[in-house]
Amino acid sequence: MSGIGLQTYLPIETFRQINGPVIDIRSSSEFNKGHWPEAISLPLFSDEERATVGKSYKNEGREKAILLGLKFIGPKIPVLKGKLQSLSQQVGNTNNDGINKYCLKLYCWRGGMRSASVSWLANLLNLKPVILIGGYKAYRNWVLKQFQKELPLKLIGGKTGTGKTDLLYSMKKAGLFTIDLEGLANHRGSSFGSLGLPPQPTSELYENLLAETLENCKKNPAQYIWLEAESASLGRCRIPNELFKQMKKAPILEICRSQKERIQQLVKVYSNHDKDALIDAVTRISRRLGPQRTKEAKTAIENENWEQACVAMLDYYDRCYDYELARSPKRKTVDLTGKTADLAVEKLLREGLLN
């Protein structure tokens, strides 16, 4: 820990251990590109103001830029004061006297003037803030380092419709460490993957979410971390390269189910979506499906013949899966036909396949 005047600066590992709201002081566009997942956005400058101050710093020097920044900040102080006081009430970290030791965890891009300015105001209000040394840049360095560490990974594989995501949820309920790569990306990993889901995070935010989830899993290093076998991209989100390298070397537990069950699962997931959206998704893979299967799938969707639509496309997705799976030398196969996800997990635990 280091203190400069009234400011308290902490390295990221110490900063992470302190309870209290994390506050991102950067502009809205910086926040939207990527942020600490639990952070609350409290921009000191608008995007336009930030650009103007930066231009002033470059053309007129540091002192002129600081004066311009103060001019922008002045009218905002009453609002900032109210928000800081409100946020400080969320803190549950106390010392032996039952008094809040730190209240607010602040960061900007590099832990510079923006963080210091808000910290100065919070100190005047006796809110005892702390600033992240190195700011968001230091946090991003921490994120990327998480994927470079050796991780005890195991993968759940299986063709489309075998219920891999449901199985991961049941494994989590049973106390195993799982990471839902698709859930964090808001994408199921196919041309149909975004249907009915919220907008995807940016790739940068996706990396941040993954790193935080991994950190939670690593609290018990004796357990494996289970993920679904995926390609490198889930819509616009990319699995970090260092993590994906480890996934390609990890052993796979391949789930098999009858084609009838797979089709039932796919109908359950996709039949309630807008027909035009489904047809657009078919169009995106039409070159790979070929003209005959594309026509069959689109006609089936128009007629709400959901089972036939699935049959028309399963061969394509099965071939893609077989190609990817062939690259994994370590795999076991188990047939879970007729079993719900919860019963499947009980079976896998009994047979020692999740150890």
Protein backbone atom coordinates (compact mmCIF):
# COMPACT_ATOMS: atom_id res chain seq x y z
CA MET A 1 0.00 0.00 0.00
CA SER A 2 1.19 3.52 -0.69
CA GLY A 3 -0.29 6.87 0.24
CA ILE A 4 0.23 10.16 -1.55
CA GLY A 5 -1.22 13.00 0.45
CA LEU A 6 -4.76 11.99 1.27
CA GLN A 7 -4.79 9.37 -1.48
CA THR A 8 -4.40 5.66 -0.85
CA TYR A 9 -3.10 3.55 -3.73
CA LEU A 10 -3.23 -0.27 -3.72
CA PRO A 11 -1.81 -2.94 -6.05
CA ILE A 12 -4.42 -5.10 -7.71
CA GLU A 13 -4.12 -8.17 -5.46
CA THR A 14 -4.71 -6.05 -2.33
CA PHE A 15 -7.37 -3.99 -4.10
CA ARG A 16 -9.27 -7.19 -4.93
CA GLN A 17 -9.32 -8.37 -1.31
CA ILE A 18 -11.13 -5.29 0.03
CA ASN A 19 -14.92 -5.34 0.17
CA GLY A 20 -16.86 -2.46 -1.28
CA PRO A 21 -18.24 -1.16 -4.57
CA VAL A 22 -15.83 -0.95 -7.50
CA ILE A 23 -16.27 2.37 -9.29
CA ASP A 24 -15.13 2.98 -12.86
CA ILE A 25 -14.31 6.66 -13.37
CA ARG A 26 -13.68 6.38 -17.11
CA SER A 27 -15.97 7.71 -19.84
CA SER A 28 -19.01 5.78 -21.04
CA SER A 29 -17.37 4.58 -24.27
CA GLU A 30 -14.35 3.26 -22.34
CA PHE A 31 -16.67 1.46 -19.91
CA ASN A 32 -18.78 -0.02 -22.70
CA LYS A 33 -15.72 -1.42 -24.46
CA GLY A 34 -14.75 -3.36 -21.36
CA HIS A 35 -14.73 -3.01 -17.57
CA TRP A 36 -14.31 -4.86 -14.28
CA PRO A 37 -17.50 -6.99 -14.35
CA GLU A 38 -18.86 -5.80 -11.00
CA ALA A 39 -17.90 -2.16 -11.55
CA ILE A 40 -20.36 0.73 -11.38
CA SER A 41 -19.90 3.39 -14.05
CA LEU A 42 -19.42 6.90 -12.63
CA PRO A 43 -17.74 8.83 -15.46
CA LEU A 44 -15.88 11.95 -14.46
CA PHE A 45 -15.91 13.21 -18.06
CA SER A 46 -18.23 12.59 -20.98
CA ASP A 47 -16.63 11.15 -24.10
CA GLU A 48 -16.54 14.63 -25.67
CA GLU A 49 -15.01 16.22 -22.57
CA ARG A 50 -12.35 13.53 -22.34
CA ALA A 51 -11.39 14.06 -25.99
CA THR A 52 -11.21 17.83 -25.46
CA VAL A 53 -8.99 17.52 -22.36
CA GLY A 54 -6.73 15.07 -24.19
CA LYS A 55 -6.37 17.42 -27.12
CA SER A 56 -5.58 20.28 -24.76
CA TYR A 57 -2.90 18.19 -23.03
CA LYS A 58 -1.29 17.39 -26.36
CA ASN A 59 -1.42 20.90 -27.82
CA GLU A 60 -1.22 23.21 -24.78
CA GLY A 61 0.41 21.18 -22.03
CA ARG A 62 -0.48 19.57 -18.72
CA GLU A 63 -1.42 22.71 -16.76
CA LYS A 64 -3.91 23.98 -19.34
CA ALA A 65 -5.44 20.51 -19.58
CA ILE A 66 -5.85 20.28 -15.80
CA LEU A 67 -7.56 23.69 -15.67
CA LEU A 68 -9.90 22.66 -18.48
CA GLY A 69 -10.68 19.41 -16.66
CA LEU A 70 -11.50 21.31 -13.48
CA LYS A 71 -13.82 23.55 -15.46
CA PHE A 72 -15.73 20.47 -16.65
CA ILE A 73 -15.79 18.87 -13.20
CA GLY A 74 -16.92 21.90 -11.16
CA PRO A 75 -20.64 21.85 -12.05
CA LYS A 76 -20.76 18.07 -11.48
CA ILE A 77 -19.50 18.09 -7.90
CA PRO A 78 -22.95 18.12 -6.19
CA VAL A 79 -24.10 15.11 -8.25
CA LEU A 80 -20.80 13.26 -7.72
CA LYS A 81 -21.02 13.94 -4.00
CA GLY A 82 -24.49 12.40 -3.78
CA LYS A 83 -23.55 9.33 -5.79
CA LEU A 84 -20.36 8.70 -3.81
CA GLN A 85 -22.22 8.96 -0.51
CA SER A 86 -24.91 6.59 -1.76
CA LEU A 87 -22.35 4.06 -2.98
CA SER A 88 -20.40 4.18 0.28
CA GLN A 89 -23.44 2.83 2.12
CA GLN A 90 -23.03 -0.50 0.28
CA VAL A 91 -19.75 -1.27 2.02
CA GLY A 92 -19.61 -4.11 4.52
CA ASN A 93 -15.85 -4.15 5.20
CA THR A 94 -15.18 -2.99 8.76
CA ASN A 95 -12.30 -2.95 11.18
CA ASN A 96 -12.37 -4.23 14.78
CA ASP A 97 -14.25 -1.12 15.91
CA GLY A 98 -17.07 -1.78 13.46
CA ILE A 99 -16.09 1.29 11.43
CA ASN A 100 -15.68 1.15 7.66
CA LYS A 101 -11.98 0.91 6.89
CA TYR A 102 -12.35 1.55 3.17
CA CYS A 103 -15.50 2.51 1.37
CA LEU A 104 -14.94 3.01 -2.31
CA LYS A 105 -12.66 1.20 -4.78
CA LEU A 106 -11.80 3.57 -7.63
CA TYR A 107 -10.08 3.09 -10.95
CA CYS A 108 -9.63 4.99 -14.21
CA TRP A 109 -7.47 4.03 -17.20
CA ARG A 110 -4.06 4.13 -15.48
CA GLY A 111 -4.83 5.22 -11.92
CA GLY A 112 -4.04 8.84 -12.71
CA MET A 113 -5.73 12.23 -12.49
CA ARG A 114 -9.32 11.08 -12.88
CA SER A 115 -9.08 8.59 -10.00
CA ALA A 116 -7.17 11.10 -7.89
CA SER A 117 -9.81 13.79 -8.46
CA VAL A 118 -12.71 11.59 -7.38
CA SER A 119 -10.66 10.21 -4.47
CA TRP A 120 -9.95 13.78 -3.32
CA LEU A 121 -13.70 14.51 -3.23
CA ALA A 122 -14.46 11.22 -1.47
CA ASN A 123 -11.80 11.97 1.14
CA LEU A 124 -13.37 15.39 1.82
CA LEU A 125 -16.60 13.50 2.52
CA ASN A 126 -14.70 11.12 4.88
CA LEU A 127 -15.48 8.12 2.68
CA LYS A 128 -11.90 6.75 2.74
CA PRO A 129 -11.53 5.61 -0.88
CA VAL A 130 -8.72 3.54 -2.40
CA ILE A 131 -7.27 3.83 -5.91
CA LEU A 132 -6.10 0.90 -8.04
CA ILE A 133 -2.44 1.36 -8.94
CA GLY A 134 -2.20 1.22 -12.72
CA GLY A 135 -5.97 1.49 -13.13
CA TYR A 136 -7.94 -0.55 -15.64
CA LYS A 137 -4.74 -1.22 -17.57
CA ALA A 138 -3.40 -3.11 -14.53
CA TYR A 139 -6.68 -5.00 -14.26
CA ARG A 140 -6.44 -6.08 -17.91
CA ASN A 141 -2.90 -7.33 -17.32
CA TRP A 142 -4.22 -9.37 -14.39
CA VAL A 143 -7.02 -10.77 -16.59
CA LEU A 144 -4.68 -11.95 -19.34
CA LYS A 145 -2.31 -13.57 -16.83
CA GLN A 146 -5.16 -15.78 -15.55
CA PHE A 147 -5.30 -17.59 -18.89
CA GLN A 148 -1.53 -18.19 -18.91
CA LYS A 149 -1.68 -20.21 -15.69
CA GLU A 150 -1.93 -23.99 -15.95
CA LEU A 151 -5.57 -24.90 -15.34
CA PRO A 152 -7.06 -28.31 -14.38
CA LEU A 153 -9.49 -28.41 -17.31
CA LYS A 154 -11.85 -31.15 -18.47
CA LEU A 155 -14.38 -30.77 -21.27
CA ILE A 156 -17.92 -31.93 -21.92
CA GLY A 157 -18.35 -32.75 -25.60
CA GLY A 158 -21.26 -34.01 -27.64
CA LYS A 159 -23.18 -33.38 -30.83
CA THR A 160 -25.79 -30.65 -31.15
CA GLY A 161 -28.84 -31.38 -29.01
CA THR A 162 -27.19 -33.71 -26.48
CA GLY A 163 -27.94 -31.25 -23.64
CA LYS A 164 -24.37 -30.30 -22.75
CA THR A 165 -25.34 -26.93 -21.25
CA ASP A 166 -28.08 -28.50 -19.10
CA LEU A 167 -25.56 -31.09 -17.95
CA LEU A 168 -23.10 -28.36 -16.90
CA TYR A 169 -25.84 -26.68 -14.84
CA SER A 170 -26.61 -29.95 -13.06
CA MET A 171 -22.90 -30.56 -12.46
CA LYS A 172 -22.66 -27.13 -10.86
CA LYS A 173 -25.65 -27.96 -8.61
CA ALA A 174 -23.82 -31.13 -7.58
CA GLY A 175 -20.85 -29.07 -6.38
CA LEU A 176 -18.50 -29.36 -9.35
CA PHE A 177 -16.69 -26.34 -10.76
CA THR A 178 -18.09 -25.43 -14.18
CA ILE A 179 -17.78 -22.48 -16.53
CA ASP A 180 -20.57 -21.81 -18.99
CA LEU A 181 -18.66 -20.34 -21.94
CA GLU A 182 -21.86 -19.92 -23.96
CA GLY A 183 -23.76 -18.33 -21.08
CA LEU A 184 -21.05 -15.71 -20.51
CA ALA A 185 -21.00 -14.96 -24.25
CA ASN A 186 -24.80 -14.90 -24.62
CA HIS A 187 -24.36 -17.17 -27.62
CA ARG A 188 -24.89 -20.91 -28.20
CA GLY A 189 -22.08 -21.17 -30.72
CA SER A 190 -23.95 -21.84 -33.98
CA SER A 191 -25.63 -19.77 -36.68
CA PHE A 192 -28.72 -19.91 -34.43
CA GLY A 193 -26.69 -19.13 -31.31
CA SER A 194 -27.87 -15.61 -30.55
CA LEU A 195 -31.62 -16.24 -30.91
CA GLY A 196 -33.59 -15.18 -27.83
CA LEU A 197 -30.50 -14.10 -25.89
CA PRO A 198 -29.39 -10.66 -24.65
CA PRO A 199 -26.78 -8.69 -26.65
CA GLN A 200 -23.30 -10.15 -26.50
CA PRO A 201 -20.56 -8.56 -24.42
CA THR A 202 -17.50 -7.22 -26.21
CA SER A 203 -14.61 -9.67 -26.52
CA GLU A 204 -12.74 -7.62 -23.93
CA LEU A 205 -15.57 -7.81 -21.42
CA TYR A 206 -15.96 -11.53 -22.21
CA GLU A 207 -12.32 -12.06 -21.25
CA ASN A 208 -12.89 -10.16 -18.00
CA LEU A 209 -15.94 -12.27 -17.16
CA LEU A 210 -14.03 -15.47 -17.87
CA ALA A 211 -11.08 -14.40 -15.72
CA GLU A 212 -13.32 -13.61 -12.75
CA THR A 213 -15.12 -16.96 -13.12
CA LEU A 214 -11.80 -18.80 -13.29
CA GLU A 215 -10.62 -16.98 -10.16
CA ASN A 216 -13.67 -18.26 -8.27
CA CYS A 217 -13.01 -21.81 -9.47
CA LYS A 218 -9.37 -21.69 -8.40
CA LYS A 219 -10.34 -21.20 -4.76
CA ASN A 220 -10.37 -25.01 -4.55
CA PRO A 221 -7.42 -26.10 -6.72
CA ALA A 222 -8.03 -29.80 -5.97
CA GLN A 223 -11.06 -29.88 -8.29
CA TYR A 224 -11.23 -29.97 -12.05
CA ILE A 225 -12.82 -27.10 -13.97
CA TRP A 226 -15.42 -28.37 -16.45
CA LEU A 227 -16.18 -26.50 -19.67
CA GLU A 228 -18.10 -27.29 -22.80
CA ALA A 229 -15.94 -28.17 -25.81
CA GLU A 230 -16.28 -25.16 -28.12
CA SER A 231 -14.75 -23.64 -31.22
CA ALA A 232 -12.63 -20.53 -30.66
CA SER A 233 -15.49 -18.12 -31.46
CA LEU A 234 -18.93 -17.76 -29.92
CA GLY A 235 -20.55 -15.14 -32.09
CA ARG A 236 -18.42 -12.02 -31.74
CA CYS A 237 -16.76 -13.29 -28.54
CA ARG A 238 -13.47 -15.16 -28.80
CA ILE A 239 -12.18 -17.57 -26.20
CA PRO A 240 -8.77 -16.20 -25.12
CA ASN A 241 -6.00 -17.87 -27.09
CA GLU A 242 -4.05 -19.09 -24.04
CA LEU A 243 -7.19 -20.68 -22.57
CA PHE A 244 -8.16 -22.22 -25.90
CA LYS A 245 -4.71 -23.81 -26.22
CA GLN A 246 -5.26 -25.54 -22.88
CA MET A 247 -8.78 -26.61 -23.89
CA LYS A 248 -7.41 -28.35 -27.01
CA LYS A 249 -5.15 -30.47 -24.80
CA ALA A 250 -7.78 -31.25 -22.14
CA PRO A 251 -9.52 -34.67 -21.89
CA ILE A 252 -13.10 -34.78 -23.22
CA LEU A 253 -16.10 -36.64 -21.85
CA GLU A 254 -18.28 -37.14 -24.92
CA ILE A 255 -22.04 -37.26 -24.30
CA CYS A 256 -24.19 -39.36 -26.63
CA ARG A 257 -27.97 -39.42 -26.95
CA SER A 258 -30.36 -40.91 -29.48
CA GLN A 259 -31.20 -38.80 -32.52
CA LYS A 260 -34.84 -38.71 -31.36
CA GLU A 261 -33.85 -37.10 -28.04
CA ARG A 262 -31.50 -34.68 -29.75
CA ILE A 263 -34.24 -33.50 -32.09
CA GLN A 264 -36.68 -33.12 -29.17
CA GLN A 265 -34.11 -31.00 -27.34
CA LEU A 266 -33.49 -28.75 -30.37
CA VAL A 267 -37.23 -28.32 -30.99
CA LYS A 268 -37.68 -27.30 -27.35
CA VAL A 269 -34.91 -24.69 -27.58
CA TYR A 270 -35.61 -23.15 -31.00
CA SER A 271 -39.25 -23.68 -32.02
CA ASN A 272 -40.51 -20.68 -30.04
CA HIS A 273 -38.36 -18.22 -32.00
CA ASP A 274 -39.46 -15.96 -34.84
CA LYS A 275 -39.61 -17.85 -38.13
CA ASP A 276 -37.89 -15.06 -40.08
CA ALA A 277 -34.97 -15.10 -37.63
CA LEU A 278 -34.68 -18.88 -37.98
CA ILE A 279 -34.74 -18.64 -41.78
CA ASP A 280 -32.03 -15.93 -41.67
CA ALA A 281 -29.90 -18.30 -39.58
CA VAL A 282 -30.36 -21.05 -42.18
CA THR A 283 -29.38 -18.62 -44.93
CA ARG A 284 -26.10 -17.86 -43.15
CA ILE A 285 -25.02 -21.50 -43.47
CA SER A 286 -26.69 -22.20 -46.83
CA ARG A 287 -23.38 -22.61 -48.70
CA ARG A 288 -22.37 -25.35 -46.29
CA LEU A 289 -25.79 -27.00 -46.16
CA GLY A 290 -26.14 -27.09 -49.92
CA PRO A 291 -29.19 -25.98 -51.91
CA GLN A 292 -31.34 -29.08 -51.27
CA ARG A 293 -30.96 -29.13 -47.47
CA THR A 294 -31.30 -25.34 -47.30
CA LYS A 295 -34.62 -25.54 -49.17
CA GLU A 296 -35.82 -28.43 -46.98
CA ALA A 297 -34.95 -26.56 -43.78
CA LYS A 298 -36.58 -23.28 -44.85
CA THR A 299 -39.75 -25.01 -46.06
CA ALA A 300 -39.99 -26.97 -42.80
CA ILE A 301 -39.63 -23.77 -40.77
CA GLU A 302 -42.30 -22.00 -42.84
CA ASN A 303 -44.66 -24.95 -42.19
CA GLU A 304 -43.62 -25.16 -38.52
CA ASN A 305 -42.47 -28.72 -39.09
CA TRP A 306 -39.75 -28.32 -36.49
CA GLU A 307 -38.53 -31.91 -36.43
CA GLN A 308 -37.99 -31.95 -40.19
CA ALA A 309 -36.12 -28.64 -39.99
CA CYS A 310 -33.75 -30.16 -37.45
CA VAL A 311 -33.23 -33.32 -39.51
CA ALA A 312 -32.32 -31.21 -42.54
CA MET A 313 -29.49 -29.52 -40.66
CA LEU A 314 -28.22 -32.16 -38.23
CA ASP A 315 -25.97 -33.85 -40.77
CA TYR A 316 -24.06 -30.61 -41.35
CA TYR A 317 -23.61 -29.92 -37.63
CA ASP A 318 -22.68 -33.55 -36.93
CA ARG A 319 -19.94 -33.44 -39.57
CA CYS A 320 -18.57 -30.23 -38.07
CA TYR A 321 -18.55 -31.82 -34.62
CA ASP A 322 -16.87 -35.02 -35.81
CA TYR A 323 -14.13 -32.96 -37.46
CA GLU A 324 -13.44 -31.01 -34.26
CA LEU A 325 -13.63 -34.09 -32.01
CA ALA A 326 -11.17 -36.03 -34.16
CA ARG A 327 -8.49 -33.56 -33.08
CA SER A 328 -8.84 -34.58 -29.41
CA PRO A 329 -6.73 -37.62 -28.50
CA LYS A 330 -8.12 -37.96 -24.96
CA ARG A 331 -11.80 -38.77 -24.78
CA LYS A 332 -14.28 -41.10 -23.12
CA THR A 333 -17.79 -41.70 -24.40
CA VAL A 334 -20.96 -42.24 -22.37
CA ASP A 335 -24.55 -42.76 -23.55
CA LEU A 336 -27.06 -40.74 -21.53
CA THR A 337 -30.14 -41.51 -23.61
CA GLY A 338 -33.29 -41.44 -21.46
CA LYS A 339 -31.71 -39.61 -18.54
CA THR A 340 -32.46 -36.07 -17.38
CA ALA A 341 -29.47 -33.85 -16.69
CA ASP A 342 -29.69 -34.45 -12.92
CA LEU A 343 -29.93 -38.23 -13.32
CA ALA A 344 -27.10 -38.12 -15.84
CA VAL A 345 -24.83 -36.40 -13.31
CA GLU A 346 -25.70 -39.04 -10.68
CA LYS A 347 -24.73 -41.76 -13.16
CA LEU A 348 -21.47 -40.03 -14.11
CA LEU A 349 -20.54 -39.54 -10.46
CA ARG A 350 -21.27 -43.20 -9.63
CA GLU A 351 -19.11 -44.33 -12.51
CA GLY A 352 -16.26 -42.02 -11.54
CA LEU A 353 -16.36 -40.16 -14.85
CA LEU A 354 -16.43 -36.71 -13.24
CA ASN A 355 -13.40 -37.27 -11.01
